[in-house]
N, C-alpha and C. Protein backbone atom coordinates (compact mmCIF):
# COMPACT_ATOMS: atom_id res chain seq x y z
N UNK A 1 73.53 -39.82 -79.69
CA UNK A 1 72.57 -38.88 -80.29
C UNK A 1 71.59 -38.35 -79.24
N UNK A 2 71.13 -39.32 -78.39
CA UNK A 2 70.22 -38.92 -77.33
C UNK A 2 70.88 -37.94 -76.37
N UNK A 3 72.18 -38.21 -76.09
CA UNK A 3 72.91 -37.33 -75.18
C UNK A 3 73.02 -35.92 -75.74
N UNK A 4 73.28 -35.83 -77.07
CA UNK A 4 73.39 -34.52 -77.71
C UNK A 4 72.06 -33.78 -77.66
N UNK A 5 70.99 -34.53 -77.90
CA UNK A 5 69.66 -33.92 -77.85
C UNK A 5 69.34 -33.42 -76.45
N UNK A 6 69.72 -34.23 -75.45
CA UNK A 6 69.47 -33.85 -74.06
C UNK A 6 70.25 -32.59 -73.68
N UNK A 7 71.51 -32.52 -74.16
CA UNK A 7 72.34 -31.34 -73.89
C UNK A 7 71.72 -30.10 -74.54
N UNK A 8 71.25 -30.27 -75.79
CA UNK A 8 70.65 -29.15 -76.51
C UNK A 8 69.40 -28.65 -75.80
N UNK A 9 68.56 -29.58 -75.37
CA UNK A 9 67.34 -29.21 -74.67
C UNK A 9 67.65 -28.51 -73.36
N UNK A 10 68.66 -29.04 -72.65
CA UNK A 10 69.06 -28.44 -71.38
C UNK A 10 69.54 -27.01 -71.58
N UNK A 11 70.34 -26.79 -72.64
CA UNK A 11 70.84 -25.44 -72.93
C UNK A 11 69.70 -24.48 -73.25
N UNK A 12 68.73 -24.97 -74.02
CA UNK A 12 67.58 -24.13 -74.37
C UNK A 12 66.80 -23.73 -73.13
N UNK A 13 66.60 -24.71 -72.24
CA UNK A 13 65.87 -24.44 -71.00
C UNK A 13 66.62 -23.43 -70.14
N UNK A 14 67.95 -23.61 -70.04
CA UNK A 14 68.76 -22.70 -69.23
C UNK A 14 68.73 -21.28 -69.79
N UNK A 15 68.82 -21.17 -71.11
CA UNK A 15 68.77 -19.85 -71.75
C UNK A 15 67.42 -19.19 -71.50
N UNK A 16 66.35 -19.98 -71.63
CA UNK A 16 65.00 -19.45 -71.40
C UNK A 16 64.85 -18.97 -69.97
N UNK A 17 65.39 -19.74 -69.03
CA UNK A 17 65.32 -19.35 -67.63
C UNK A 17 66.11 -18.07 -67.37
N UNK A 18 67.28 -17.98 -68.02
CA UNK A 18 68.14 -16.79 -67.85
C UNK A 18 67.45 -15.55 -68.39
N UNK A 19 66.90 -15.67 -69.61
CA UNK A 19 66.22 -14.53 -70.23
C UNK A 19 64.99 -14.14 -69.43
N UNK A 20 64.21 -15.15 -69.06
CA UNK A 20 63.01 -14.88 -68.28
C UNK A 20 63.32 -14.27 -66.93
N UNK A 21 64.38 -14.77 -66.30
CA UNK A 21 64.79 -14.22 -65.01
C UNK A 21 65.24 -12.79 -65.13
N UNK A 22 65.99 -12.49 -66.21
CA UNK A 22 66.45 -11.12 -66.44
C UNK A 22 65.29 -10.17 -66.68
N UNK A 23 64.30 -10.64 -67.44
CA UNK A 23 63.12 -9.82 -67.72
C UNK A 23 62.34 -9.55 -66.45
N UNK A 24 62.19 -10.59 -65.62
CA UNK A 24 61.47 -10.44 -64.36
C UNK A 24 62.19 -9.48 -63.42
N UNK A 25 63.54 -9.58 -63.41
CA UNK A 25 64.34 -8.69 -62.56
C UNK A 25 64.19 -7.24 -63.01
N UNK A 26 64.23 -7.04 -64.34
CA UNK A 26 64.09 -5.69 -64.88
C UNK A 26 62.73 -5.09 -64.52
N UNK A 27 61.68 -5.91 -64.66
CA UNK A 27 60.34 -5.44 -64.30
C UNK A 27 60.24 -5.10 -62.82
N UNK A 28 60.89 -5.92 -62.01
CA UNK A 28 60.89 -5.68 -60.57
C UNK A 28 61.59 -4.37 -60.24
N UNK A 29 62.73 -4.12 -60.92
CA UNK A 29 63.46 -2.87 -60.71
C UNK A 29 62.64 -1.66 -61.15
N UNK A 30 61.97 -1.79 -62.32
CA UNK A 30 61.14 -0.70 -62.82
C UNK A 30 60.00 -0.40 -61.86
N UNK A 31 59.39 -1.46 -61.33
CA UNK A 31 58.30 -1.28 -60.37
C UNK A 31 58.79 -0.56 -59.12
N UNK A 32 59.99 -0.93 -58.68
CA UNK A 32 60.58 -0.30 -57.50
C UNK A 32 60.81 1.18 -57.75
N UNK A 33 61.33 1.52 -58.93
CA UNK A 33 61.58 2.92 -59.28
C UNK A 33 60.26 3.70 -59.28
N UNK A 34 59.22 3.13 -59.91
CA UNK A 34 57.94 3.81 -59.98
C UNK A 34 57.33 4.02 -58.60
N UNK A 35 57.51 3.05 -57.72
CA UNK A 35 57.00 3.18 -56.35
C UNK A 35 57.71 4.32 -55.61
N UNK A 36 59.02 4.42 -55.83
CA UNK A 36 59.80 5.48 -55.17
C UNK A 36 59.40 6.85 -55.69
N UNK A 37 59.35 6.99 -57.01
CA UNK A 37 59.09 8.31 -57.61
C UNK A 37 57.64 8.75 -57.47
N UNK A 38 56.72 7.80 -57.35
CA UNK A 38 55.30 8.14 -57.25
C UNK A 38 54.99 8.94 -55.99
N UNK A 39 55.80 8.77 -54.97
CA UNK A 39 55.55 9.44 -53.69
C UNK A 39 56.24 10.80 -53.59
N UNK A 40 56.89 11.23 -54.68
CA UNK A 40 57.66 12.47 -54.66
C UNK A 40 57.01 13.50 -55.59
N UNK A 41 56.96 14.74 -55.15
CA UNK A 41 56.43 15.83 -55.97
C UNK A 41 57.42 16.12 -57.10
N UNK A 42 57.00 15.86 -58.34
CA UNK A 42 57.91 16.00 -59.48
C UNK A 42 58.26 17.45 -59.80
N UNK A 43 57.61 18.40 -59.13
CA UNK A 43 57.93 19.81 -59.36
C UNK A 43 58.97 20.34 -58.37
N UNK A 44 59.43 19.47 -57.47
CA UNK A 44 60.39 19.87 -56.44
C UNK A 44 61.57 18.90 -56.42
N UNK A 45 62.51 19.17 -55.48
CA UNK A 45 63.62 18.24 -55.33
C UNK A 45 63.11 16.94 -54.72
N UNK A 46 63.69 15.80 -55.06
CA UNK A 46 64.95 15.64 -55.79
C UNK A 46 64.84 15.65 -57.31
N UNK A 47 63.64 15.87 -57.87
CA UNK A 47 63.52 15.93 -59.33
C UNK A 47 64.15 17.20 -59.89
N UNK A 48 63.85 18.31 -59.26
CA UNK A 48 64.26 19.61 -59.78
C UNK A 48 64.90 20.43 -58.66
N UNK A 49 65.98 21.11 -59.00
CA UNK A 49 66.61 22.06 -58.08
C UNK A 49 66.51 23.46 -58.67
N UNK A 50 66.55 24.45 -57.81
CA UNK A 50 66.44 25.83 -58.27
C UNK A 50 67.53 26.19 -59.26
N UNK A 51 68.71 25.61 -59.10
CA UNK A 51 69.84 25.94 -59.97
C UNK A 51 69.82 25.18 -61.30
N UNK A 52 68.94 24.19 -61.44
CA UNK A 52 68.97 23.32 -62.62
C UNK A 52 68.66 24.10 -63.90
N UNK A 53 69.43 23.89 -64.97
CA UNK A 53 69.11 24.52 -66.25
C UNK A 53 67.72 24.08 -66.70
N UNK A 54 66.89 25.02 -67.11
CA UNK A 54 65.54 24.67 -67.55
C UNK A 54 65.13 25.54 -68.73
N UNK A 55 64.28 24.96 -69.58
CA UNK A 55 63.88 25.61 -70.82
C UNK A 55 62.42 25.29 -71.12
N UNK A 56 61.74 26.21 -71.79
CA UNK A 56 60.36 25.97 -72.19
C UNK A 56 59.37 26.86 -71.45
N UNK A 57 58.18 27.05 -72.06
CA UNK A 57 57.16 27.94 -71.49
C UNK A 57 56.29 27.24 -70.45
N UNK A 58 56.20 25.93 -70.53
CA UNK A 58 55.48 25.11 -69.54
C UNK A 58 54.01 25.50 -69.38
N UNK A 59 53.33 25.77 -70.50
CA UNK A 59 51.93 26.17 -70.44
C UNK A 59 51.02 25.04 -69.97
N UNK A 60 51.44 23.79 -70.16
CA UNK A 60 50.62 22.65 -69.74
C UNK A 60 51.11 21.99 -68.46
N UNK A 61 52.13 22.57 -67.85
CA UNK A 61 52.62 22.02 -66.59
C UNK A 61 53.24 20.64 -66.73
N UNK A 62 53.97 20.42 -67.82
CA UNK A 62 54.63 19.14 -68.06
C UNK A 62 56.12 19.30 -67.77
N UNK A 63 56.62 18.57 -66.78
CA UNK A 63 58.02 18.68 -66.37
C UNK A 63 58.81 17.49 -66.91
N UNK A 64 59.72 17.79 -67.82
CA UNK A 64 60.58 16.76 -68.42
C UNK A 64 61.97 16.91 -67.82
N UNK A 65 62.37 15.94 -67.04
CA UNK A 65 63.68 15.97 -66.38
C UNK A 65 64.59 14.96 -67.06
N UNK A 66 65.73 15.44 -67.54
CA UNK A 66 66.69 14.56 -68.21
C UNK A 66 68.01 14.55 -67.45
N UNK A 67 68.42 13.37 -67.01
CA UNK A 67 69.75 13.19 -66.44
C UNK A 67 70.72 12.89 -67.58
N UNK A 68 71.79 13.69 -67.67
CA UNK A 68 72.75 13.53 -68.76
C UNK A 68 74.18 13.41 -68.22
N UNK A 69 75.04 12.92 -69.08
CA UNK A 69 76.49 12.93 -68.87
C UNK A 69 77.07 13.34 -70.22
N UNK A 70 77.73 14.50 -70.32
CA UNK A 70 78.24 14.98 -71.61
C UNK A 70 79.21 14.02 -72.30
N UNK A 71 79.80 13.10 -71.53
CA UNK A 71 80.74 12.14 -72.13
C UNK A 71 80.06 10.82 -72.48
N UNK A 72 78.76 10.74 -72.25
CA UNK A 72 77.99 9.52 -72.51
C UNK A 72 77.57 9.45 -73.98
N UNK A 73 77.93 8.35 -74.66
CA UNK A 73 77.61 8.19 -76.08
C UNK A 73 76.10 8.16 -76.31
N UNK A 74 75.38 7.47 -75.44
CA UNK A 74 73.92 7.38 -75.60
C UNK A 74 73.27 8.75 -75.45
N UNK A 75 73.81 9.57 -74.56
CA UNK A 75 73.28 10.92 -74.39
C UNK A 75 73.46 11.74 -75.66
N UNK A 76 74.61 11.60 -76.28
CA UNK A 76 74.88 12.32 -77.53
C UNK A 76 73.92 11.87 -78.63
N UNK A 77 73.67 10.57 -78.70
CA UNK A 77 72.75 10.03 -79.70
C UNK A 77 71.31 10.48 -79.43
N UNK A 78 70.93 10.50 -78.16
CA UNK A 78 69.55 10.84 -77.79
C UNK A 78 69.31 12.35 -77.86
N UNK A 79 70.37 13.13 -77.91
CA UNK A 79 70.22 14.59 -77.93
C UNK A 79 69.38 15.07 -79.10
N UNK A 80 69.55 14.43 -80.26
CA UNK A 80 68.75 14.81 -81.43
C UNK A 80 67.27 14.60 -81.20
N UNK A 81 66.92 13.50 -80.53
CA UNK A 81 65.52 13.21 -80.22
C UNK A 81 64.96 14.25 -79.25
N UNK A 82 65.76 14.56 -78.23
CA UNK A 82 65.33 15.57 -77.26
C UNK A 82 65.15 16.94 -77.93
N UNK A 83 66.06 17.31 -78.82
CA UNK A 83 65.96 18.60 -79.50
C UNK A 83 64.70 18.69 -80.34
N UNK A 84 64.40 17.63 -81.09
CA UNK A 84 63.18 17.61 -81.91
C UNK A 84 61.93 17.67 -81.03
N UNK A 85 61.97 16.92 -79.94
CA UNK A 85 60.84 16.91 -79.01
C UNK A 85 60.62 18.30 -78.41
N UNK A 86 61.71 18.94 -78.00
CA UNK A 86 61.61 20.28 -77.41
C UNK A 86 61.09 21.29 -78.43
N UNK A 87 61.57 21.19 -79.65
CA UNK A 87 61.14 22.10 -80.71
C UNK A 87 59.63 21.99 -80.93
N UNK A 88 59.11 20.77 -80.82
CA UNK A 88 57.69 20.52 -81.04
C UNK A 88 56.83 20.98 -79.86
N UNK A 89 57.34 20.80 -78.64
CA UNK A 89 56.48 20.98 -77.46
C UNK A 89 56.99 22.03 -76.46
N UNK A 90 57.90 22.90 -76.87
CA UNK A 90 58.51 23.82 -75.91
C UNK A 90 57.48 24.72 -75.22
N UNK A 91 56.37 25.01 -75.88
CA UNK A 91 55.36 25.85 -75.25
C UNK A 91 54.66 25.14 -74.09
N UNK A 92 54.61 23.82 -74.18
CA UNK A 92 53.86 23.04 -73.20
C UNK A 92 54.68 22.55 -72.02
N UNK A 93 56.00 22.46 -72.19
CA UNK A 93 56.83 21.76 -71.21
C UNK A 93 57.88 22.66 -70.55
N UNK A 94 58.42 22.14 -69.46
CA UNK A 94 59.65 22.67 -68.89
C UNK A 94 60.66 21.54 -68.95
N UNK A 95 61.71 21.72 -69.74
CA UNK A 95 62.79 20.75 -69.85
C UNK A 95 63.87 21.10 -68.85
N UNK A 96 64.15 20.18 -67.95
CA UNK A 96 65.12 20.41 -66.87
C UNK A 96 66.28 19.44 -67.03
N UNK A 97 67.50 19.98 -66.98
CA UNK A 97 68.71 19.16 -67.14
C UNK A 97 69.36 18.92 -65.79
N UNK A 98 69.66 17.66 -65.52
CA UNK A 98 70.42 17.26 -64.33
C UNK A 98 71.65 16.48 -64.79
N UNK A 99 72.63 16.34 -63.90
CA UNK A 99 73.89 15.69 -64.27
C UNK A 99 74.15 14.42 -63.47
N UNK A 100 74.73 13.45 -64.16
CA UNK A 100 75.25 12.25 -63.51
C UNK A 100 76.61 11.98 -64.14
N UNK A 101 77.66 12.44 -63.47
CA UNK A 101 79.02 12.39 -64.03
C UNK A 101 79.63 11.00 -63.83
N UNK A 102 79.49 10.16 -64.83
CA UNK A 102 79.93 8.76 -64.71
C UNK A 102 81.26 8.46 -65.40
N UNK A 103 81.79 9.42 -66.15
CA UNK A 103 83.00 9.16 -66.92
C UNK A 103 84.17 10.02 -66.44
N UNK A 104 85.33 9.70 -66.99
CA UNK A 104 86.59 10.33 -66.56
C UNK A 104 86.58 11.85 -66.70
N UNK A 105 86.07 12.34 -67.82
CA UNK A 105 86.11 13.77 -68.10
C UNK A 105 84.74 14.44 -68.04
N UNK A 106 83.79 13.75 -67.44
CA UNK A 106 82.43 14.29 -67.37
C UNK A 106 82.38 15.63 -66.64
N UNK A 107 83.07 15.70 -65.50
CA UNK A 107 83.01 16.93 -64.71
C UNK A 107 83.60 18.11 -65.49
N UNK A 108 84.67 17.87 -66.21
CA UNK A 108 85.29 18.94 -67.01
C UNK A 108 84.29 19.46 -68.05
N UNK A 109 83.61 18.55 -68.73
CA UNK A 109 82.63 18.95 -69.74
C UNK A 109 81.44 19.66 -69.11
N UNK A 110 81.02 19.20 -67.94
CA UNK A 110 79.92 19.86 -67.24
C UNK A 110 80.32 21.28 -66.84
N UNK A 111 81.56 21.45 -66.40
CA UNK A 111 82.04 22.79 -66.04
C UNK A 111 81.96 23.72 -67.26
N UNK A 112 82.26 23.19 -68.42
CA UNK A 112 82.20 24.00 -69.63
C UNK A 112 80.77 24.45 -69.93
N UNK A 113 79.84 23.51 -69.93
CA UNK A 113 78.47 23.89 -70.29
C UNK A 113 77.81 24.74 -69.20
N UNK A 114 78.18 24.50 -67.94
CA UNK A 114 77.65 25.34 -66.87
C UNK A 114 78.20 26.76 -66.96
N UNK A 115 79.48 26.89 -67.30
CA UNK A 115 80.07 28.21 -67.47
C UNK A 115 79.43 28.94 -68.65
N UNK A 116 79.04 28.19 -69.67
CA UNK A 116 78.39 28.79 -70.84
C UNK A 116 77.04 29.39 -70.48
N UNK A 117 76.42 28.89 -69.44
CA UNK A 117 75.13 29.46 -68.98
C UNK A 117 75.28 30.93 -68.64
N UNK A 118 76.44 31.31 -68.12
CA UNK A 118 76.67 32.70 -67.73
C UNK A 118 76.63 33.64 -68.93
N UNK A 119 76.78 33.07 -70.13
CA UNK A 119 76.73 33.88 -71.35
C UNK A 119 75.51 33.54 -72.20
N UNK A 120 74.55 32.83 -71.59
CA UNK A 120 73.34 32.40 -72.30
C UNK A 120 73.66 31.59 -73.56
N UNK A 121 74.67 30.73 -73.43
CA UNK A 121 75.09 29.89 -74.55
C UNK A 121 75.04 28.40 -74.18
N UNK A 122 74.21 28.08 -73.22
CA UNK A 122 74.20 26.71 -72.69
C UNK A 122 73.89 25.67 -73.78
N UNK A 123 72.78 25.83 -74.48
CA UNK A 123 72.36 24.83 -75.46
C UNK A 123 73.32 24.77 -76.65
N UNK A 124 73.82 25.94 -77.06
CA UNK A 124 74.76 25.96 -78.18
C UNK A 124 76.04 25.19 -77.83
N UNK A 125 76.54 25.41 -76.63
CA UNK A 125 77.77 24.74 -76.20
C UNK A 125 77.53 23.25 -75.97
N UNK A 126 76.38 22.91 -75.41
CA UNK A 126 76.05 21.50 -75.21
C UNK A 126 76.01 20.76 -76.55
N UNK A 127 75.47 21.41 -77.58
CA UNK A 127 75.44 20.80 -78.91
C UNK A 127 76.85 20.51 -79.42
N UNK A 128 77.76 21.45 -79.22
CA UNK A 128 79.14 21.26 -79.66
C UNK A 128 79.80 20.12 -78.88
N UNK A 129 79.60 20.10 -77.58
CA UNK A 129 80.18 19.05 -76.74
C UNK A 129 79.72 17.67 -77.21
N UNK A 130 78.44 17.56 -77.53
CA UNK A 130 77.90 16.29 -78.00
C UNK A 130 78.38 15.95 -79.41
N UNK A 131 78.30 16.91 -80.32
CA UNK A 131 78.63 16.63 -81.72
C UNK A 131 80.11 16.30 -81.92
N UNK A 132 80.97 16.86 -81.07
CA UNK A 132 82.41 16.60 -81.17
C UNK A 132 82.86 15.48 -80.23
N UNK A 133 81.92 14.84 -79.58
CA UNK A 133 82.26 13.81 -78.60
C UNK A 133 83.17 12.71 -79.16
N UNK A 134 82.95 12.24 -80.40
CA UNK A 134 83.84 11.19 -80.93
C UNK A 134 85.31 11.62 -81.02
N UNK A 135 85.55 12.93 -81.05
CA UNK A 135 86.92 13.44 -81.18
C UNK A 135 87.60 13.66 -79.83
N UNK A 136 86.83 14.10 -78.83
CA UNK A 136 87.46 14.42 -77.55
C UNK A 136 87.27 13.34 -76.49
N UNK A 137 86.34 12.40 -76.74
CA UNK A 137 86.01 11.43 -75.69
C UNK A 137 86.17 9.98 -76.15
N UNK A 138 87.12 9.74 -77.05
CA UNK A 138 87.38 8.36 -77.47
C UNK A 138 87.84 7.53 -76.28
N UNK A 139 87.32 6.31 -76.18
CA UNK A 139 87.71 5.43 -75.08
C UNK A 139 89.22 5.16 -75.12
N UNK A 140 89.86 5.35 -73.99
CA UNK A 140 91.30 5.13 -73.82
C UNK A 140 92.16 6.11 -74.61
N UNK A 141 91.51 7.13 -75.18
CA UNK A 141 92.27 8.16 -75.91
C UNK A 141 91.56 9.51 -75.77
N UNK A 142 91.12 9.80 -74.54
CA UNK A 142 90.36 11.02 -74.30
C UNK A 142 91.25 12.26 -74.44
N UNK A 143 90.69 13.28 -75.08
CA UNK A 143 91.41 14.54 -75.26
C UNK A 143 90.48 15.71 -74.97
N UNK A 144 90.08 15.88 -73.72
CA UNK A 144 89.13 16.95 -73.38
C UNK A 144 89.65 18.34 -73.69
N UNK A 145 90.98 18.47 -73.76
CA UNK A 145 91.56 19.78 -74.05
C UNK A 145 91.16 20.29 -75.44
N UNK A 146 90.71 19.39 -76.32
CA UNK A 146 90.29 19.79 -77.66
C UNK A 146 89.01 20.62 -77.63
N UNK A 147 88.24 20.49 -76.57
CA UNK A 147 86.94 21.16 -76.52
C UNK A 147 87.06 22.67 -76.67
N UNK A 148 88.06 23.26 -76.08
CA UNK A 148 88.21 24.71 -76.17
C UNK A 148 88.34 25.17 -77.62
N UNK A 149 89.07 24.41 -78.40
CA UNK A 149 89.21 24.74 -79.81
C UNK A 149 87.89 24.62 -80.55
N UNK A 150 87.12 23.57 -80.23
CA UNK A 150 85.83 23.37 -80.88
C UNK A 150 84.85 24.50 -80.54
N UNK A 151 84.99 25.05 -79.35
CA UNK A 151 84.04 26.08 -78.90
C UNK A 151 84.24 27.41 -79.61
N UNK A 152 85.32 27.53 -80.35
CA UNK A 152 85.54 28.76 -81.11
C UNK A 152 84.46 28.96 -82.17
N UNK A 153 83.77 27.88 -82.53
CA UNK A 153 82.72 27.99 -83.55
C UNK A 153 81.41 28.54 -82.99
N UNK A 154 81.32 28.67 -81.68
CA UNK A 154 80.09 29.21 -81.06
C UNK A 154 80.14 30.73 -81.11
N UNK A 155 79.31 31.31 -81.93
CA UNK A 155 79.32 32.76 -82.14
C UNK A 155 79.01 33.51 -80.85
N UNK A 156 79.85 34.49 -80.54
CA UNK A 156 79.62 35.35 -79.39
C UNK A 156 80.08 34.79 -78.06
N UNK A 157 80.70 33.60 -78.07
CA UNK A 157 81.15 33.00 -76.82
C UNK A 157 82.53 33.53 -76.45
N UNK A 158 82.64 34.10 -75.26
CA UNK A 158 83.90 34.63 -74.74
C UNK A 158 84.63 33.49 -74.02
N UNK A 159 85.67 32.95 -74.65
CA UNK A 159 86.36 31.80 -74.08
C UNK A 159 87.18 32.15 -72.84
N UNK A 160 87.67 33.36 -72.78
CA UNK A 160 88.42 33.79 -71.59
C UNK A 160 87.49 33.81 -70.37
N UNK A 161 86.33 34.40 -70.54
CA UNK A 161 85.34 34.43 -69.46
C UNK A 161 84.88 33.02 -69.12
N UNK A 162 84.68 32.20 -70.14
CA UNK A 162 84.23 30.82 -69.93
C UNK A 162 85.20 30.06 -69.03
N UNK A 163 86.48 30.15 -69.34
CA UNK A 163 87.48 29.42 -68.55
C UNK A 163 87.54 29.94 -67.11
N UNK A 164 87.31 31.21 -66.93
CA UNK A 164 87.27 31.76 -65.58
C UNK A 164 86.05 31.24 -64.82
N UNK A 165 84.89 31.25 -65.49
CA UNK A 165 83.65 30.82 -64.85
C UNK A 165 83.64 29.32 -64.57
N UNK A 166 84.45 28.57 -65.29
CA UNK A 166 84.54 27.13 -65.04
C UNK A 166 85.07 26.81 -63.65
N UNK A 167 85.77 27.75 -63.06
CA UNK A 167 86.37 27.53 -61.75
C UNK A 167 85.41 27.83 -60.59
N UNK A 168 84.22 28.25 -60.92
CA UNK A 168 83.22 28.56 -59.89
C UNK A 168 82.96 27.33 -59.02
N UNK A 169 83.20 27.39 -57.72
CA UNK A 169 83.00 26.23 -56.85
C UNK A 169 81.56 25.76 -56.77
N UNK A 170 80.62 26.62 -57.16
CA UNK A 170 79.21 26.24 -57.13
C UNK A 170 78.92 25.10 -58.11
N UNK A 171 79.70 25.02 -59.17
CA UNK A 171 79.48 23.96 -60.16
C UNK A 171 79.70 22.59 -59.54
N UNK A 172 80.77 22.46 -58.78
CA UNK A 172 81.06 21.19 -58.11
C UNK A 172 79.94 20.84 -57.13
N UNK A 173 79.42 21.83 -56.43
CA UNK A 173 78.33 21.59 -55.49
C UNK A 173 77.09 21.08 -56.22
N UNK A 174 76.82 21.65 -57.40
CA UNK A 174 75.67 21.22 -58.18
C UNK A 174 75.84 19.78 -58.67
N UNK A 175 77.03 19.46 -59.12
CA UNK A 175 77.31 18.10 -59.58
C UNK A 175 77.10 17.10 -58.45
N UNK A 176 77.59 17.44 -57.28
CA UNK A 176 77.46 16.55 -56.12
C UNK A 176 76.01 16.39 -55.69
N UNK A 177 75.26 17.49 -55.70
CA UNK A 177 73.86 17.41 -55.28
C UNK A 177 73.02 16.67 -56.32
N UNK A 178 73.35 16.84 -57.58
CA UNK A 178 72.67 16.08 -58.63
C UNK A 178 72.88 14.58 -58.44
N UNK A 179 74.08 14.21 -58.03
CA UNK A 179 74.38 12.80 -57.75
C UNK A 179 73.53 12.28 -56.60
N UNK A 180 73.42 13.07 -55.55
CA UNK A 180 72.59 12.68 -54.39
C UNK A 180 71.14 12.48 -54.82
N UNK A 181 70.63 13.42 -55.62
CA UNK A 181 69.25 13.31 -56.09
C UNK A 181 69.07 12.12 -57.02
N UNK A 182 70.07 11.86 -57.86
CA UNK A 182 70.00 10.70 -58.76
C UNK A 182 69.87 9.41 -57.96
N UNK A 183 70.61 9.31 -56.90
CA UNK A 183 70.54 8.11 -56.06
C UNK A 183 69.16 7.97 -55.42
N UNK A 184 68.58 9.08 -55.00
CA UNK A 184 67.23 9.04 -54.42
C UNK A 184 66.20 8.58 -55.44
N UNK A 185 66.42 8.93 -56.70
CA UNK A 185 65.48 8.60 -57.77
C UNK A 185 65.82 7.29 -58.47
N UNK A 186 66.82 6.57 -57.94
CA UNK A 186 67.23 5.28 -58.51
C UNK A 186 67.80 5.43 -59.92
N UNK A 187 68.40 6.59 -60.20
CA UNK A 187 69.03 6.82 -61.51
C UNK A 187 70.46 6.32 -61.45
N UNK A 188 70.78 5.38 -62.34
CA UNK A 188 72.13 4.80 -62.34
C UNK A 188 72.88 5.04 -63.65
N UNK A 189 72.14 5.34 -64.70
CA UNK A 189 72.78 5.54 -66.00
C UNK A 189 72.16 6.72 -66.72
N UNK A 190 72.78 7.08 -67.85
CA UNK A 190 72.29 8.20 -68.64
C UNK A 190 72.15 7.78 -70.11
N UNK A 191 71.23 8.42 -70.84
CA UNK A 191 70.26 9.39 -70.33
C UNK A 191 69.10 8.69 -69.61
N UNK A 192 68.61 9.34 -68.58
CA UNK A 192 67.40 8.89 -67.89
C UNK A 192 66.41 10.05 -67.92
N UNK A 193 65.18 9.75 -68.35
CA UNK A 193 64.16 10.77 -68.54
C UNK A 193 62.97 10.51 -67.62
N UNK A 194 62.48 11.58 -67.02
CA UNK A 194 61.22 11.53 -66.27
C UNK A 194 60.27 12.58 -66.85
N UNK A 195 59.01 12.21 -67.01
CA UNK A 195 57.98 13.18 -67.38
C UNK A 195 56.93 13.18 -66.28
N UNK A 196 56.82 14.31 -65.61
CA UNK A 196 55.93 14.42 -64.44
C UNK A 196 56.15 13.28 -63.46
N UNK A 197 57.42 12.95 -63.26
CA UNK A 197 57.78 11.94 -62.28
C UNK A 197 57.74 10.51 -62.78
N UNK A 198 57.25 10.29 -64.00
CA UNK A 198 57.18 8.95 -64.56
C UNK A 198 58.41 8.70 -65.44
N UNK A 199 59.06 7.59 -65.21
CA UNK A 199 60.31 7.30 -65.91
C UNK A 199 60.06 6.76 -67.31
N UNK A 200 60.81 7.29 -68.27
CA UNK A 200 60.75 6.78 -69.64
C UNK A 200 61.44 5.43 -69.70
N UNK A 201 60.72 4.40 -70.12
CA UNK A 201 61.24 3.04 -70.06
C UNK A 201 62.01 2.64 -71.31
N UNK A 202 61.76 3.34 -72.42
CA UNK A 202 62.45 3.01 -73.67
C UNK A 202 62.97 4.29 -74.30
N UNK A 203 64.25 4.30 -74.66
CA UNK A 203 64.86 5.50 -75.22
C UNK A 203 64.60 5.59 -76.72
N UNK A 204 63.41 6.04 -77.06
CA UNK A 204 63.04 6.22 -78.46
C UNK A 204 62.15 7.44 -78.58
N UNK A 205 62.07 7.98 -79.79
CA UNK A 205 61.24 9.16 -80.01
C UNK A 205 59.77 8.84 -79.76
N UNK A 206 59.33 7.66 -80.20
CA UNK A 206 57.92 7.28 -80.02
C UNK A 206 57.57 7.13 -78.54
N UNK A 207 58.46 6.47 -77.80
CA UNK A 207 58.20 6.28 -76.37
C UNK A 207 58.15 7.62 -75.64
N UNK A 208 59.04 8.52 -76.01
CA UNK A 208 59.07 9.85 -75.39
C UNK A 208 57.78 10.61 -75.66
N UNK A 209 57.35 10.60 -76.91
CA UNK A 209 56.12 11.32 -77.27
C UNK A 209 54.89 10.68 -76.63
N UNK A 210 54.86 9.35 -76.59
CA UNK A 210 53.71 8.66 -75.99
C UNK A 210 53.59 8.97 -74.50
N UNK A 211 54.73 9.02 -73.81
CA UNK A 211 54.68 9.34 -72.38
C UNK A 211 54.24 10.78 -72.18
N UNK A 212 54.72 11.66 -73.04
CA UNK A 212 54.28 13.06 -72.96
C UNK A 212 52.77 13.17 -73.16
N UNK A 213 52.26 12.51 -74.20
CA UNK A 213 50.82 12.57 -74.50
C UNK A 213 49.99 12.02 -73.34
N UNK A 214 50.48 10.93 -72.75
CA UNK A 214 49.73 10.32 -71.64
C UNK A 214 49.63 11.27 -70.44
N UNK A 215 50.63 12.14 -70.29
CA UNK A 215 50.61 13.10 -69.18
C UNK A 215 49.88 14.39 -69.56
N UNK A 216 50.01 14.81 -70.80
CA UNK A 216 49.42 16.08 -71.23
C UNK A 216 47.91 16.00 -71.39
N UNK A 217 47.40 14.81 -71.71
CA UNK A 217 45.98 14.68 -72.02
C UNK A 217 45.25 13.68 -71.13
N UNK A 218 45.78 13.43 -69.94
CA UNK A 218 45.10 12.48 -69.05
C UNK A 218 43.95 13.17 -68.31
């Protein structure tokens, strides 16, 4: 009985040490990220590039940078939060989109949404890519070719022109440079959000709004 109790206590201690160590490591990593980003002008590269898609009137000088991957499930889930946030604060902010292509068909999807920019259909096409993600980006059963069919629902989108514009070599250059900038900013996963250079630590609507408020009214 004593042996069983000793084993149980030992396991509890080990678990506590593991959890505590993981928490300490996470805090250390977050501190490192903040130290790196604090020394960089959030209105310039590596946060923002001239070619980066951007939206909003930016009356309060608030720069919201979001690293996305169109094939990322978390990005698709967080898109609704970002849309609501943008709808509420678009006059105050500049929302800037960057890419971190971490999945098999990420580049293909990025080519689609980048080509849609040429027809001023970027956000509409991004919404379709995200909303249809369960159909075209199933794990081990990816079917990116389905995206073209889904895009027929975007009013006014010329699919022939879109497919031609997808071949623009500049898109690959942007993807590569976004990756370089992501590495400089210690971005490893998506979605990753920065507001005026400060990294969003929790992916929730409340955390996003609180970080915005702390920057807008400091």
